[in-house]
Amino acid sequence: MTTLLHIDASARSDRSLSRKLSQAFVEAWVDRDDKTQVIVRDVGHNPPPFVTEAWIAAVFTPEEHMTPEKREEIRLSDELIDEIDRADVIIMGTPMYNYGMPAALKSWFDKVIRIGKTFTFDLDRGDYPLEPIMNGKKLVILSSRGEFGFGPGGVREAMNHLDTHIQTCAHYLGVNETHVISIDYQEFGDARHEASIADAFDAIPVLVRQLVEDRQRQLLPA
């Protein structure tokens, strides 16, 4: 069985293009594999609280010194990490806000990238002491952006701090394969925007078919 973690980060509801993309992706996957389990986490409408000094203190408290108050501080973090651990594929619908990720999504990453839970730290590894604990996960980023040219070689490639930041963080969640489908030109609202919408939705069934078939081959008996 395959488990999808479906994350939405847009503050919008029905008007959100990234939500429509992520929903279409999940529905296409389930249509191809009706045994799929879907975990839904809406950080856009229910954002995790920002990191506080009390939360940091709880994270670095040894198990034998944990108090009920400290356990409550990290309860949500533990829950979010468990969702990632159970997931084979992370489906992330997110808009680009000010050339990066929404604060709600950044707060989610801050809650789940955690020493001893999603990564280990060992100075014997030299200049790269962090190493992810989980592995083999796939990530699909489904984004909407007001401008255009954010892809490789595009006129705004250097301004794309959404995809690059997500992929950097996702490495520490065990992600080793990432796919991106995006809608551009939203602020222009012209024919280019309509074409971008159509292209993005057309790309979904193609990618879903590829990933489902890859997953089915992976699950075949050795």
N, C-alpha and C. Protein backbone atom coordinates (compact mmCIF):
# COMPACT_ATOMS: atom_id res chain seq x y z
N MET A 1 0.84 -1.20 0.00
CA MET A 1 0.00 0.00 0.00
C MET A 1 0.87 1.25 0.00
N THR A 2 0.41 2.28 -0.67
CA THR A 2 1.12 3.55 -0.73
C THR A 2 0.41 4.58 0.14
N THR A 3 1.19 5.37 0.86
CA THR A 3 0.62 6.44 1.68
C THR A 3 1.10 7.79 1.15
N LEU A 4 0.14 8.66 0.87
CA LEU A 4 0.43 10.03 0.45
C LEU A 4 0.21 10.98 1.62
N LEU A 5 1.13 11.91 1.80
CA LEU A 5 0.92 13.01 2.74
C LEU A 5 0.59 14.24 1.91
N HIS A 6 -0.68 14.68 1.99
CA HIS A 6 -1.18 15.80 1.19
C HIS A 6 -1.15 17.06 2.04
N ILE A 7 -0.24 17.98 1.70
CA ILE A 7 -0.08 19.22 2.44
C ILE A 7 -0.53 20.39 1.57
N ASP A 8 -1.37 21.26 2.12
CA ASP A 8 -1.72 22.51 1.44
C ASP A 8 -1.26 23.67 2.30
N ALA A 9 -0.69 24.70 1.66
CA ALA A 9 -0.11 25.82 2.40
C ALA A 9 -0.72 27.17 2.06
N SER A 10 -1.66 27.19 1.10
CA SER A 10 -2.23 28.47 0.70
C SER A 10 -3.18 29.01 1.76
N ALA A 11 -3.15 30.33 1.96
CA ALA A 11 -4.10 30.97 2.87
C ALA A 11 -5.49 31.05 2.24
N ARG A 12 -5.54 30.93 0.91
CA ARG A 12 -6.82 30.97 0.21
C ARG A 12 -7.54 29.63 0.29
N SER A 13 -8.83 29.66 -0.06
CA SER A 13 -9.62 28.43 -0.09
C SER A 13 -9.98 28.10 -1.53
N ASP A 14 -11.21 28.40 -1.96
CA ASP A 14 -11.65 28.03 -3.30
C ASP A 14 -10.88 28.76 -4.40
N ARG A 15 -10.33 29.92 -4.10
CA ARG A 15 -9.60 30.69 -5.11
C ARG A 15 -8.16 30.22 -5.28
N SER A 16 -7.72 29.28 -4.49
CA SER A 16 -6.33 28.86 -4.52
C SER A 16 -6.05 27.91 -5.68
N LEU A 17 -5.14 28.29 -6.54
CA LEU A 17 -4.74 27.42 -7.64
C LEU A 17 -3.87 26.27 -7.16
N SER A 18 -3.01 26.52 -6.18
CA SER A 18 -2.16 25.44 -5.69
C SER A 18 -2.99 24.35 -5.01
N ARG A 19 -4.06 24.74 -4.34
CA ARG A 19 -4.96 23.74 -3.73
C ARG A 19 -5.65 22.91 -4.82
N LYS A 20 -6.05 23.56 -5.89
CA LYS A 20 -6.70 22.83 -6.98
C LYS A 20 -5.72 21.85 -7.63
N LEU A 21 -4.48 22.27 -7.78
CA LEU A 21 -3.47 21.38 -8.34
C LEU A 21 -3.23 20.17 -7.43
N SER A 22 -3.04 20.42 -6.16
CA SER A 22 -2.73 19.31 -5.25
C SER A 22 -3.92 18.35 -5.14
N GLN A 23 -5.13 18.90 -5.12
CA GLN A 23 -6.31 18.04 -5.05
C GLN A 23 -6.43 17.19 -6.31
N ALA A 24 -6.19 17.80 -7.47
CA ALA A 24 -6.25 17.05 -8.73
C ALA A 24 -5.20 15.95 -8.74
N PHE A 25 -4.02 16.23 -8.20
CA PHE A 25 -2.96 15.23 -8.18
C PHE A 25 -3.35 14.05 -7.30
N VAL A 26 -3.83 14.33 -6.11
CA VAL A 26 -4.22 13.26 -5.19
C VAL A 26 -5.36 12.43 -5.78
N GLU A 27 -6.36 13.10 -6.36
CA GLU A 27 -7.48 12.38 -6.96
C GLU A 27 -7.01 11.50 -8.11
N ALA A 28 -6.09 12.00 -8.93
CA ALA A 28 -5.58 11.20 -10.04
C ALA A 28 -4.83 9.98 -9.54
N TRP A 29 -4.10 10.15 -8.45
CA TRP A 29 -3.36 9.01 -7.88
C TRP A 29 -4.33 7.96 -7.34
N VAL A 30 -5.32 8.39 -6.58
CA VAL A 30 -6.28 7.45 -5.99
C VAL A 30 -7.08 6.74 -7.08
N ASP A 31 -7.37 7.44 -8.17
CA ASP A 31 -8.06 6.80 -9.30
C ASP A 31 -7.23 5.65 -9.87
N ARG A 32 -5.92 5.82 -9.85
CA ARG A 32 -5.04 4.77 -10.39
C ARG A 32 -4.77 3.67 -9.37
N ASP A 33 -4.81 4.02 -8.10
CA ASP A 33 -4.53 3.05 -7.04
C ASP A 33 -5.48 3.30 -5.88
N ASP A 34 -6.61 2.60 -5.90
CA ASP A 34 -7.65 2.87 -4.89
C ASP A 34 -7.31 2.32 -3.51
N LYS A 35 -6.17 1.66 -3.39
CA LYS A 35 -5.73 1.20 -2.06
C LYS A 35 -4.85 2.23 -1.37
N THR A 36 -4.64 3.35 -2.03
CA THR A 36 -3.79 4.41 -1.48
C THR A 36 -4.40 5.01 -0.22
N GLN A 37 -3.57 5.23 0.78
CA GLN A 37 -3.99 5.94 1.99
C GLN A 37 -3.53 7.39 1.88
N VAL A 38 -4.40 8.33 2.24
CA VAL A 38 -4.07 9.75 2.14
C VAL A 38 -4.15 10.40 3.51
N ILE A 39 -3.06 11.01 3.93
CA ILE A 39 -3.02 11.81 5.16
C ILE A 39 -3.11 13.28 4.73
N VAL A 40 -4.04 14.01 5.29
CA VAL A 40 -4.25 15.41 4.91
C VAL A 40 -3.75 16.32 6.03
N ARG A 41 -2.93 17.29 5.66
CA ARG A 41 -2.44 18.28 6.61
C ARG A 41 -2.53 19.65 5.97
N ASP A 42 -3.46 20.47 6.46
CA ASP A 42 -3.71 21.81 5.89
C ASP A 42 -3.03 22.85 6.77
N VAL A 43 -1.81 23.21 6.41
CA VAL A 43 -1.08 24.20 7.20
C VAL A 43 -1.46 25.62 6.81
N GLY A 44 -2.08 25.78 5.63
CA GLY A 44 -2.52 27.10 5.23
C GLY A 44 -3.66 27.61 6.08
N HIS A 45 -4.60 26.73 6.41
CA HIS A 45 -5.74 27.10 7.24
C HIS A 45 -5.51 26.85 8.73
N ASN A 46 -4.59 25.92 9.03
CA ASN A 46 -4.28 25.60 10.43
C ASN A 46 -2.76 25.57 10.61
N PRO A 47 -2.14 26.74 10.57
CA PRO A 47 -0.67 26.79 10.62
C PRO A 47 -0.11 26.35 11.98
N PRO A 48 0.98 25.60 11.96
CA PRO A 48 1.65 25.28 13.22
C PRO A 48 2.17 26.55 13.86
N PRO A 49 2.17 26.63 15.17
CA PRO A 49 2.71 27.84 15.82
C PRO A 49 4.19 27.98 15.56
N PHE A 50 4.66 29.21 15.60
CA PHE A 50 6.08 29.46 15.40
C PHE A 50 6.91 28.85 16.53
N VAL A 51 8.16 28.60 16.23
CA VAL A 51 9.09 28.09 17.23
C VAL A 51 9.27 29.12 18.34
N THR A 52 9.27 28.65 19.58
CA THR A 52 9.47 29.51 20.74
C THR A 52 10.66 28.99 21.55
N GLU A 53 11.10 29.78 22.52
CA GLU A 53 12.19 29.35 23.38
C GLU A 53 11.80 28.11 24.18
N ALA A 54 10.54 28.06 24.61
CA ALA A 54 10.07 26.90 25.37
C ALA A 54 10.09 25.64 24.51
N TRP A 55 9.73 25.78 23.24
CA TRP A 55 9.74 24.62 22.33
C TRP A 55 11.17 24.13 22.12
N ILE A 56 12.09 25.06 21.89
CA ILE A 56 13.50 24.68 21.69
C ILE A 56 14.03 23.96 22.92
N ALA A 57 13.71 24.49 24.10
CA ALA A 57 14.16 23.86 25.34
C ALA A 57 13.62 22.43 25.45
N ALA A 58 12.37 22.23 25.09
CA ALA A 58 11.76 20.90 25.17
C ALA A 58 12.42 19.93 24.20
N VAL A 59 12.73 20.41 22.99
CA VAL A 59 13.35 19.56 21.98
C VAL A 59 14.71 19.04 22.44
N PHE A 60 15.44 19.87 23.16
CA PHE A 60 16.79 19.49 23.59
C PHE A 60 16.83 18.91 25.01
N THR A 61 15.67 18.63 25.57
CA THR A 61 15.62 18.03 26.90
C THR A 61 15.75 16.51 26.79
N PRO A 62 16.67 15.89 27.51
CA PRO A 62 16.78 14.42 27.49
C PRO A 62 15.48 13.77 27.96
N GLU A 63 15.21 12.60 27.43
CA GLU A 63 13.95 11.91 27.71
C GLU A 63 13.71 11.75 29.21
N GLU A 64 14.76 11.43 29.94
CA GLU A 64 14.58 11.19 31.38
C GLU A 64 14.24 12.45 32.17
N HIS A 65 14.41 13.62 31.55
CA HIS A 65 14.11 14.88 32.23
C HIS A 65 12.85 15.57 31.67
N MET A 66 12.14 14.88 30.82
CA MET A 66 10.94 15.47 30.24
C MET A 66 9.84 15.62 31.29
N THR A 67 9.13 16.73 31.21
CA THR A 67 7.98 16.99 32.09
C THR A 67 6.71 16.98 31.24
N PRO A 68 5.55 16.87 31.86
CA PRO A 68 4.30 16.94 31.08
C PRO A 68 4.20 18.21 30.24
N GLU A 69 4.70 19.32 30.78
CA GLU A 69 4.65 20.58 30.04
C GLU A 69 5.54 20.53 28.79
N LYS A 70 6.72 19.96 28.94
CA LYS A 70 7.62 19.86 27.80
C LYS A 70 7.07 18.88 26.75
N ARG A 71 6.46 17.81 27.19
CA ARG A 71 5.86 16.86 26.24
C ARG A 71 4.75 17.53 25.44
N GLU A 72 4.00 18.38 26.10
CA GLU A 72 2.93 19.09 25.40
C GLU A 72 3.51 20.07 24.39
N GLU A 73 4.65 20.67 24.70
CA GLU A 73 5.30 21.59 23.76
C GLU A 73 5.64 20.91 22.44
N ILE A 74 6.05 19.64 22.49
CA ILE A 74 6.49 18.97 21.27
C ILE A 74 5.47 17.97 20.73
N ARG A 75 4.28 17.96 21.33
CA ARG A 75 3.25 16.99 20.91
C ARG A 75 2.92 17.14 19.43
N LEU A 76 2.67 18.37 18.97
CA LEU A 76 2.33 18.59 17.57
C LEU A 76 3.51 18.20 16.67
N SER A 77 4.71 18.57 17.07
CA SER A 77 5.89 18.20 16.29
C SER A 77 5.98 16.69 16.11
N ASP A 78 5.77 15.95 17.19
CA ASP A 78 5.80 14.49 17.11
C ASP A 78 4.74 13.97 16.15
N GLU A 79 3.57 14.57 16.19
CA GLU A 79 2.46 14.17 15.32
C GLU A 79 2.80 14.43 13.84
N LEU A 80 3.36 15.60 13.57
CA LEU A 80 3.73 15.94 12.19
C LEU A 80 4.83 15.03 11.66
N ILE A 81 5.81 14.74 12.50
CA ILE A 81 6.90 13.85 12.09
C ILE A 81 6.38 12.45 11.83
N ASP A 82 5.44 11.99 12.64
CA ASP A 82 4.86 10.67 12.42
C ASP A 82 4.16 10.60 11.07
N GLU A 83 3.49 11.68 10.66
CA GLU A 83 2.84 11.71 9.34
C GLU A 83 3.86 11.55 8.22
N ILE A 84 4.98 12.23 8.36
CA ILE A 84 6.04 12.12 7.35
C ILE A 84 6.61 10.70 7.33
N ASP A 85 6.84 10.15 8.50
CA ASP A 85 7.41 8.81 8.60
C ASP A 85 6.52 7.78 7.90
N ARG A 86 5.21 7.96 8.00
CA ARG A 86 4.26 7.02 7.39
C ARG A 86 4.13 7.22 5.88
N ALA A 87 4.53 8.38 5.38
CA ALA A 87 4.29 8.73 3.97
C ALA A 87 5.37 8.16 3.06
N ASP A 88 4.93 7.70 1.89
CA ASP A 88 5.85 7.31 0.82
C ASP A 88 6.08 8.47 -0.14
N VAL A 89 5.03 9.27 -0.34
CA VAL A 89 5.08 10.42 -1.24
C VAL A 89 4.47 11.62 -0.54
N ILE A 90 5.15 12.76 -0.60
CA ILE A 90 4.63 14.00 -0.03
C ILE A 90 4.14 14.88 -1.17
N ILE A 91 2.87 15.22 -1.14
CA ILE A 91 2.25 16.08 -2.14
C ILE A 91 2.08 17.46 -1.51
N MET A 92 2.79 18.44 -2.01
CA MET A 92 2.82 19.76 -1.37
C MET A 92 2.26 20.83 -2.30
N GLY A 93 1.06 21.31 -1.99
CA GLY A 93 0.47 22.41 -2.74
C GLY A 93 0.78 23.71 -2.04
N THR A 94 1.50 24.61 -2.74
CA THR A 94 1.89 25.84 -2.08
C THR A 94 2.03 26.99 -3.08
N PRO A 95 1.55 28.16 -2.72
CA PRO A 95 1.84 29.34 -3.54
C PRO A 95 3.24 29.86 -3.25
N MET A 96 3.72 30.71 -4.13
CA MET A 96 4.95 31.46 -3.87
C MET A 96 4.54 32.80 -3.27
N TYR A 97 4.98 33.05 -2.05
CA TYR A 97 4.72 34.33 -1.40
C TYR A 97 6.04 35.10 -1.32
N ASN A 98 6.10 36.24 -1.96
CA ASN A 98 7.30 37.08 -1.90
C ASN A 98 8.56 36.27 -2.24
N TYR A 99 8.44 35.44 -3.27
CA TYR A 99 9.55 34.66 -3.84
C TYR A 99 9.99 33.48 -2.97
N GLY A 100 9.24 33.20 -1.93
CA GLY A 100 9.58 32.06 -1.06
C GLY A 100 8.34 31.33 -0.61
N MET A 101 8.50 30.54 0.43
CA MET A 101 7.36 29.76 0.92
C MET A 101 6.53 30.55 1.91
N PRO A 102 5.23 30.25 2.02
CA PRO A 102 4.39 30.89 3.04
C PRO A 102 4.94 30.64 4.44
N ALA A 103 4.72 31.59 5.34
CA ALA A 103 5.21 31.44 6.72
C ALA A 103 4.66 30.19 7.38
N ALA A 104 3.42 29.82 7.03
CA ALA A 104 2.82 28.62 7.62
C ALA A 104 3.59 27.37 7.23
N LEU A 105 4.04 27.31 5.98
CA LEU A 105 4.81 26.15 5.52
C LEU A 105 6.20 26.15 6.15
N LYS A 106 6.81 27.33 6.28
CA LYS A 106 8.11 27.41 6.96
C LYS A 106 7.99 26.95 8.40
N SER A 107 6.89 27.30 9.06
CA SER A 107 6.68 26.87 10.43
C SER A 107 6.54 25.35 10.51
N TRP A 108 5.87 24.76 9.49
CA TRP A 108 5.76 23.30 9.43
C TRP A 108 7.14 22.67 9.33
N PHE A 109 7.98 23.19 8.43
CA PHE A 109 9.33 22.65 8.29
C PHE A 109 10.12 22.80 9.60
N ASP A 110 9.96 23.95 10.26
CA ASP A 110 10.68 24.17 11.52
C ASP A 110 10.26 23.17 12.59
N LYS A 111 9.02 22.70 12.51
CA LYS A 111 8.53 21.74 13.50
C LYS A 111 8.94 20.31 13.19
N VAL A 112 9.28 20.01 11.94
CA VAL A 112 9.55 18.61 11.59
C VAL A 112 11.02 18.31 11.34
N ILE A 113 11.84 19.31 11.09
CA ILE A 113 13.28 19.07 10.95
C ILE A 113 13.87 19.14 12.35
N ARG A 114 14.09 17.97 12.95
CA ARG A 114 14.37 17.92 14.39
C ARG A 114 15.44 16.88 14.69
N ILE A 115 16.44 17.32 15.43
CA ILE A 115 17.55 16.44 15.76
C ILE A 115 17.06 15.21 16.53
N GLY A 116 17.57 14.07 16.14
CA GLY A 116 17.18 12.82 16.80
C GLY A 116 15.88 12.25 16.31
N LYS A 117 15.14 13.02 15.53
CA LYS A 117 13.85 12.56 15.01
C LYS A 117 13.88 12.42 13.50
N THR A 118 14.36 13.47 12.81
CA THR A 118 14.45 13.39 11.35
C THR A 118 15.89 13.49 10.86
N PHE A 119 16.81 13.89 11.71
CA PHE A 119 18.21 13.88 11.31
C PHE A 119 19.11 13.63 12.51
N THR A 120 20.29 13.11 12.24
CA THR A 120 21.31 12.95 13.28
C THR A 120 22.42 13.97 13.05
N PHE A 121 23.16 14.24 14.10
CA PHE A 121 24.26 15.21 14.05
C PHE A 121 25.50 14.57 14.63
N ASP A 122 26.56 14.50 13.82
CA ASP A 122 27.80 13.85 14.26
C ASP A 122 28.99 14.59 13.65
N LEU A 123 29.78 15.23 14.49
CA LEU A 123 30.93 16.00 14.01
C LEU A 123 32.01 15.12 13.41
N ASP A 124 31.95 13.82 13.66
CA ASP A 124 32.90 12.91 13.02
C ASP A 124 32.68 12.86 11.51
N ARG A 125 31.57 13.37 11.03
CA ARG A 125 31.32 13.42 9.59
C ARG A 125 31.99 14.61 8.92
N GLY A 126 32.69 15.40 9.68
CA GLY A 126 33.41 16.54 9.11
C GLY A 126 32.51 17.73 8.90
N ASP A 127 32.63 18.35 7.73
CA ASP A 127 31.90 19.59 7.47
C ASP A 127 30.43 19.37 7.17
N TYR A 128 29.99 18.13 7.07
CA TYR A 128 28.58 17.82 6.81
C TYR A 128 28.06 16.88 7.89
N PRO A 129 27.89 17.40 9.11
CA PRO A 129 27.55 16.53 10.24
C PRO A 129 26.09 16.07 10.27
N LEU A 130 25.20 16.71 9.51
CA LEU A 130 23.79 16.35 9.53
C LEU A 130 23.50 15.25 8.52
N GLU A 131 22.71 14.28 8.94
CA GLU A 131 22.34 13.18 8.05
C GLU A 131 20.89 12.80 8.31
N PRO A 132 20.06 12.71 7.25
CA PRO A 132 18.65 12.36 7.47
C PRO A 132 18.50 10.94 7.99
N ILE A 133 17.50 10.74 8.82
CA ILE A 133 17.19 9.42 9.37
C ILE A 133 16.30 8.64 8.41
N MET A 134 15.29 9.30 7.86
CA MET A 134 14.39 8.66 6.91
C MET A 134 14.98 8.72 5.51
N ASN A 135 14.48 7.88 4.62
CA ASN A 135 14.98 7.91 3.24
C ASN A 135 13.95 7.31 2.30
N GLY A 136 14.20 7.48 1.00
CA GLY A 136 13.38 6.85 -0.02
C GLY A 136 12.05 7.50 -0.30
N LYS A 137 11.85 8.72 0.18
CA LYS A 137 10.57 9.40 -0.04
C LYS A 137 10.62 10.27 -1.29
N LYS A 138 9.46 10.45 -1.91
CA LYS A 138 9.35 11.32 -3.08
C LYS A 138 8.51 12.54 -2.72
N LEU A 139 8.84 13.66 -3.34
CA LEU A 139 8.14 14.92 -3.09
C LEU A 139 7.63 15.48 -4.41
N VAL A 140 6.37 15.91 -4.41
CA VAL A 140 5.80 16.61 -5.56
C VAL A 140 5.39 18.00 -5.09
N ILE A 141 6.01 19.03 -5.67
CA ILE A 141 5.67 20.42 -5.36
C ILE A 141 4.72 20.92 -6.43
N LEU A 142 3.55 21.37 -6.02
CA LEU A 142 2.53 21.90 -6.92
C LEU A 142 2.30 23.36 -6.54
N SER A 143 2.82 24.26 -7.35
CA SER A 143 2.88 25.66 -6.92
C SER A 143 2.18 26.59 -7.90
N SER A 144 1.84 27.75 -7.38
CA SER A 144 1.30 28.83 -8.21
C SER A 144 2.12 30.09 -7.93
N ARG A 145 2.42 30.84 -9.01
CA ARG A 145 3.33 31.98 -8.89
C ARG A 145 2.81 33.15 -9.70
N GLY A 146 2.96 34.34 -9.15
CA GLY A 146 2.40 35.51 -9.80
C GLY A 146 3.11 35.92 -11.06
N GLU A 147 4.42 35.72 -11.10
CA GLU A 147 5.21 36.12 -12.26
C GLU A 147 5.60 34.87 -13.07
N PHE A 148 6.74 34.90 -13.74
CA PHE A 148 7.13 33.77 -14.59
C PHE A 148 8.65 33.73 -14.69
N GLY A 149 9.17 32.67 -15.31
CA GLY A 149 10.60 32.56 -15.54
C GLY A 149 11.39 32.11 -14.33
N PHE A 150 10.76 31.31 -13.44
CA PHE A 150 11.44 30.87 -12.23
C PHE A 150 12.18 29.54 -12.40
N GLY A 151 11.98 28.87 -13.52
CA GLY A 151 12.62 27.59 -13.76
C GLY A 151 14.07 27.73 -14.18
N PRO A 152 14.77 26.60 -14.34
CA PRO A 152 16.18 26.63 -14.77
C PRO A 152 16.36 27.42 -16.06
N GLY A 153 17.24 28.40 -16.04
CA GLY A 153 17.50 29.23 -17.20
C GLY A 153 16.52 30.36 -17.40
N GLY A 154 15.51 30.46 -16.52
CA GLY A 154 14.50 31.51 -16.64
C GLY A 154 15.01 32.86 -16.18
N VAL A 155 14.30 33.91 -16.55
CA VAL A 155 14.75 35.26 -16.23
C VAL A 155 14.68 35.55 -14.73
N ARG A 156 13.90 34.77 -13.98
CA ARG A 156 13.80 34.96 -12.53
C ARG A 156 14.29 33.72 -11.76
N GLU A 157 15.14 32.94 -12.39
CA GLU A 157 15.63 31.72 -11.73
C GLU A 157 16.24 32.04 -10.37
N ALA A 158 17.05 33.10 -10.29
CA ALA A 158 17.74 33.44 -9.05
C ALA A 158 16.78 33.94 -7.97
N MET A 159 15.55 34.26 -8.35
CA MET A 159 14.56 34.76 -7.39
C MET A 159 13.66 33.65 -6.86
N ASN A 160 13.86 32.43 -7.35
CA ASN A 160 13.01 31.31 -6.92
C ASN A 160 13.55 30.74 -5.62
N HIS A 161 13.04 31.26 -4.52
CA HIS A 161 13.42 30.76 -3.19
C HIS A 161 12.34 29.86 -2.62
N LEU A 162 11.37 29.48 -3.45
CA LEU A 162 10.34 28.54 -3.02
C LEU A 162 10.81 27.11 -3.25
N ASP A 163 10.98 26.73 -4.51
CA ASP A 163 11.37 25.36 -4.82
C ASP A 163 12.71 25.00 -4.19
N THR A 164 13.67 25.92 -4.27
CA THR A 164 15.01 25.62 -3.75
C THR A 164 15.00 25.43 -2.24
N HIS A 165 14.25 26.26 -1.54
CA HIS A 165 14.19 26.16 -0.07
C HIS A 165 13.48 24.86 0.33
N ILE A 166 12.37 24.57 -0.34
CA ILE A 166 11.64 23.34 -0.02
C ILE A 166 12.52 22.12 -0.25
N GLN A 167 13.22 22.08 -1.38
CA GLN A 167 14.04 20.90 -1.68
C GLN A 167 15.21 20.77 -0.72
N THR A 168 15.79 21.88 -0.31
CA THR A 168 16.87 21.83 0.67
C THR A 168 16.37 21.25 1.99
N CYS A 169 15.23 21.74 2.45
CA CYS A 169 14.67 21.25 3.71
C CYS A 169 14.20 19.80 3.60
N ALA A 170 13.59 19.46 2.47
CA ALA A 170 13.02 18.12 2.30
C ALA A 170 14.08 17.03 2.34
N HIS A 171 15.31 17.37 2.00
CA HIS A 171 16.40 16.40 2.09
C HIS A 171 16.48 15.80 3.49
N TYR A 172 16.23 16.62 4.51
CA TYR A 172 16.33 16.17 5.89
C TYR A 172 15.07 15.45 6.37
N LEU A 173 14.12 15.27 5.45
CA LEU A 173 12.93 14.47 5.73
C LEU A 173 12.98 13.15 4.96
N GLY A 174 14.12 12.84 4.38
CA GLY A 174 14.28 11.59 3.67
C GLY A 174 13.86 11.63 2.22
N VAL A 175 13.67 12.81 1.67
CA VAL A 175 13.28 12.95 0.26
C VAL A 175 14.51 12.87 -0.62
N ASN A 176 14.48 11.97 -1.60
CA ASN A 176 15.60 11.89 -2.55
C ASN A 176 15.15 11.99 -4.00
N GLU A 177 13.89 12.35 -4.22
CA GLU A 177 13.38 12.57 -5.58
C GLU A 177 12.28 13.62 -5.52
N THR A 178 12.42 14.67 -6.32
CA THR A 178 11.46 15.77 -6.30
C THR A 178 10.98 16.09 -7.70
N HIS A 179 9.68 16.37 -7.80
CA HIS A 179 9.07 16.80 -9.07
C HIS A 179 8.32 18.10 -8.81
N VAL A 180 8.34 18.99 -9.80
CA VAL A 180 7.69 20.30 -9.66
C VAL A 180 6.74 20.54 -10.83
N ILE A 181 5.50 20.90 -10.50
CA ILE A 181 4.53 21.36 -11.50
C ILE A 181 4.04 22.73 -11.01
N SER A 182 4.08 23.73 -11.88
CA SER A 182 3.72 25.08 -11.42
C SER A 182 2.84 25.81 -12.42
N ILE A 183 2.08 26.73 -11.88
CA ILE A 183 1.28 27.67 -12.68
C ILE A 183 1.92 29.04 -12.54
N ASP A 184 2.16 29.70 -13.67
CA ASP A 184 2.79 31.02 -13.67
C ASP A 184 1.85 32.09 -14.24
N TYR A 185 2.34 33.33 -14.24
CA TYR A 185 1.64 34.48 -14.85
C TYR A 185 0.34 34.85 -14.12
N GLN A 186 0.18 34.44 -12.86
CA GLN A 186 -1.10 34.68 -12.19
C GLN A 186 -1.43 36.16 -12.08
N GLU A 187 -0.41 36.99 -11.85
CA GLU A 187 -0.66 38.43 -11.71
C GLU A 187 -0.98 39.09 -13.04
N PHE A 188 -0.63 38.43 -14.14
CA PHE A 188 -0.90 39.00 -15.46
C PHE A 188 -2.31 38.68 -15.93
N GLY A 189 -2.79 37.49 -15.59
CA GLY A 189 -4.15 37.11 -15.92
C GLY A 189 -4.46 37.11 -17.40
N ASP A 190 -3.45 36.84 -18.20
CA ASP A 190 -3.65 36.90 -19.65
C ASP A 190 -3.66 35.49 -20.25
N ALA A 191 -3.52 35.42 -21.58
CA ALA A 191 -3.55 34.12 -22.25
C ALA A 191 -2.40 33.23 -21.80
N ARG A 192 -1.28 33.83 -21.45
CA ARG A 192 -0.15 33.04 -20.97
C ARG A 192 -0.50 32.34 -19.65
N HIS A 193 -1.25 33.03 -18.81
CA HIS A 193 -1.68 32.44 -17.54
C HIS A 193 -2.63 31.27 -17.79
N GLU A 194 -3.57 31.47 -18.69
CA GLU A 194 -4.52 30.39 -19.00
C GLU A 194 -3.79 29.18 -19.58
N ALA A 195 -2.80 29.43 -20.43
CA ALA A 195 -2.02 28.34 -21.01
C ALA A 195 -1.21 27.63 -19.93
N SER A 196 -0.69 28.38 -18.97
CA SER A 196 0.08 27.80 -17.88
C SER A 196 -0.80 26.91 -17.01
N ILE A 197 -2.02 27.35 -16.75
CA ILE A 197 -2.97 26.53 -15.99
C ILE A 197 -3.23 25.22 -16.72
N ALA A 198 -3.52 25.31 -18.00
CA ALA A 198 -3.83 24.11 -18.78
C ALA A 198 -2.62 23.17 -18.81
N ASP A 199 -1.43 23.71 -18.99
CA ASP A 199 -0.23 22.88 -19.03
C ASP A 199 0.00 22.16 -17.70
N ALA A 200 -0.24 22.87 -16.61
CA ALA A 200 -0.01 22.27 -15.28
C ALA A 200 -0.98 21.11 -15.04
N PHE A 201 -2.25 21.33 -15.35
CA PHE A 201 -3.23 20.25 -15.13
C PHE A 201 -3.01 19.09 -16.10
N ASP A 202 -2.53 19.39 -17.30
CA ASP A 202 -2.21 18.32 -18.25
C ASP A 202 -1.01 17.49 -17.78
N ALA A 203 -0.10 18.13 -17.06
CA ALA A 203 1.10 17.43 -16.60
C ALA A 203 0.81 16.48 -15.44
N ILE A 204 -0.27 16.71 -14.72
CA ILE A 204 -0.56 15.91 -13.53
C ILE A 204 -0.76 14.43 -13.86
N PRO A 205 -1.67 14.06 -14.76
CA PRO A 205 -1.87 12.62 -15.02
C PRO A 205 -0.62 11.93 -15.56
N VAL A 206 0.21 12.67 -16.29
CA VAL A 206 1.44 12.09 -16.82
C VAL A 206 2.39 11.74 -15.67
N LEU A 207 2.58 12.68 -14.75
CA LEU A 207 3.46 12.44 -13.61
C LEU A 207 2.88 11.38 -12.68
N VAL A 208 1.58 11.43 -12.44
CA VAL A 208 0.94 10.43 -11.58
C VAL A 208 1.17 9.03 -12.14
N ARG A 209 0.95 8.87 -13.42
CA ARG A 209 1.14 7.55 -14.03
C ARG A 209 2.58 7.07 -13.82
N GLN A 210 3.54 7.95 -14.03
CA GLN A 210 4.95 7.60 -13.86
C GLN A 210 5.24 7.16 -12.42
N LEU A 211 4.76 7.95 -11.47
CA LEU A 211 5.08 7.67 -10.07
C LEU A 211 4.34 6.44 -9.56
N VAL A 212 3.09 6.25 -9.97
CA VAL A 212 2.34 5.07 -9.54
C VAL A 212 3.00 3.80 -10.10
N GLU A 213 3.39 3.84 -11.35
CA GLU A 213 4.04 2.67 -11.95
C GLU A 213 5.39 2.40 -11.28
N ASP A 214 6.13 3.47 -10.95
CA ASP A 214 7.39 3.29 -10.23
C ASP A 214 7.13 2.64 -8.87
N ARG A 215 6.09 3.09 -8.20
CA ARG A 215 5.76 2.57 -6.88
C ARG A 215 5.32 1.11 -6.96
N GLN A 216 4.54 0.77 -7.94
CA GLN A 216 4.08 -0.61 -8.11
C GLN A 216 5.25 -1.54 -8.40
N ARG A 217 6.21 -1.09 -9.20
CA ARG A 217 7.41 -1.90 -9.45
C ARG A 217 8.22 -2.09 -8.17
N GLN A 218 8.25 -1.03 -7.36
CA GLN A 218 8.99 -1.09 -6.10
C GLN A 218 8.39 -2.10 -5.14
N LEU A 219 7.06 -2.25 -5.19
CA LEU A 219 6.36 -3.14 -4.27
C LEU A 219 6.31 -4.59 -4.76
N LEU A 220 6.78 -4.86 -5.98
CA LEU A 220 6.76 -6.23 -6.48
C LEU A 220 7.69 -7.10 -5.63
N PRO A 221 7.31 -8.36 -5.39
CA PRO A 221 8.18 -9.26 -4.63
C PRO A 221 9.54 -9.41 -5.31
N ALA A 222 10.58 -9.47 -4.52
CA ALA A 222 11.94 -9.62 -5.06
C ALA A 222 12.14 -11.00 -5.68
